[in-house]
Protein backbone atom coordinates (compact mmCIF):
# COMPACT_ATOMS: atom_id res chain seq x y z
CA MET A 1 -55.71 12.75 -5.85
CA SER A 2 -53.39 10.90 -3.52
CA GLU A 3 -49.67 11.44 -2.93
CA THR A 4 -48.86 8.25 -4.83
CA ASP A 5 -50.52 9.50 -8.01
CA PRO A 6 -47.81 9.36 -10.77
CA GLN A 7 -49.11 12.58 -12.41
CA VAL A 8 -48.36 14.73 -9.34
CA ARG A 9 -44.64 15.31 -8.98
CA PRO A 10 -42.97 17.95 -6.85
CA ARG A 11 -41.05 20.46 -8.92
CA PRO A 12 -37.35 20.66 -8.06
CA GLN A 13 -36.31 24.03 -6.69
CA SER A 14 -33.32 25.79 -8.11
CA SER A 15 -30.76 27.04 -5.61
CA ALA A 16 -31.60 30.65 -6.49
CA LEU A 17 -35.17 30.14 -5.34
CA ALA A 18 -34.22 28.35 -2.16
CA GLY A 19 -33.98 31.47 -0.02
CA VAL A 20 -31.07 33.29 -1.72
CA SER A 21 -31.89 36.70 -3.12
CA MET A 22 -30.45 37.82 -6.44
CA ARG A 23 -28.64 40.61 -4.61
CA ASP A 24 -26.89 38.11 -2.31
CA LEU A 25 -26.08 35.83 -5.22
CA LEU A 26 -24.49 38.65 -7.22
CA ALA A 27 -22.59 39.88 -4.15
CA SER A 28 -21.16 36.42 -3.54
CA CYS A 29 -20.06 36.17 -7.18
CA ALA A 30 -18.36 39.57 -6.96
CA ALA A 31 -16.59 38.56 -3.74
CA ALA A 32 -15.42 35.30 -5.29
CA THR A 33 -14.04 37.18 -8.28
CA VAL A 34 -12.09 39.58 -6.05
CA ILE A 35 -10.65 36.75 -3.99
CA SER A 36 -9.72 34.54 -6.93
CA THR A 37 -8.16 37.26 -9.10
CA PRO A 38 -4.39 37.58 -8.58
CA PRO A 39 -2.98 41.03 -7.87
CA PRO A 40 -1.73 42.99 -10.86
CA VAL A 41 1.91 42.62 -11.82
CA PRO A 42 3.87 45.76 -10.89
CA GLU A 43 5.28 47.70 -13.78
CA PRO A 44 9.04 47.24 -14.23
CA ARG A 45 11.18 50.14 -13.13
CA THR A 46 13.39 51.79 -15.66
CA CYS A 47 17.05 51.43 -14.81
CA ARG A 48 19.25 54.49 -14.99
CA PRO A 49 22.98 54.38 -15.61
CA VAL A 50 25.03 54.53 -12.40
CA GLY A 51 26.23 58.11 -12.85
CA GLU A 52 22.76 59.65 -13.46
CA HIS A 53 21.28 59.21 -10.02
CA ARG A 54 23.77 61.58 -8.38
CA GLU A 55 23.19 65.31 -8.46
CA ALA A 56 25.98 67.52 -9.76
CA ALA A 57 27.43 69.56 -6.91
């Protein structure tokens, strides 16, 4: 068989098989999720009436 034989075709490699381990792939996905997720919205504070925050002397 020669290289020009139409029956012999190289199989395309997926990016996961091109030297990237599953562990590295999962770690990169986790890092991307952390970076792209916005921080949580802080909970609103409850407002007290003006007179309540002072202690009775």
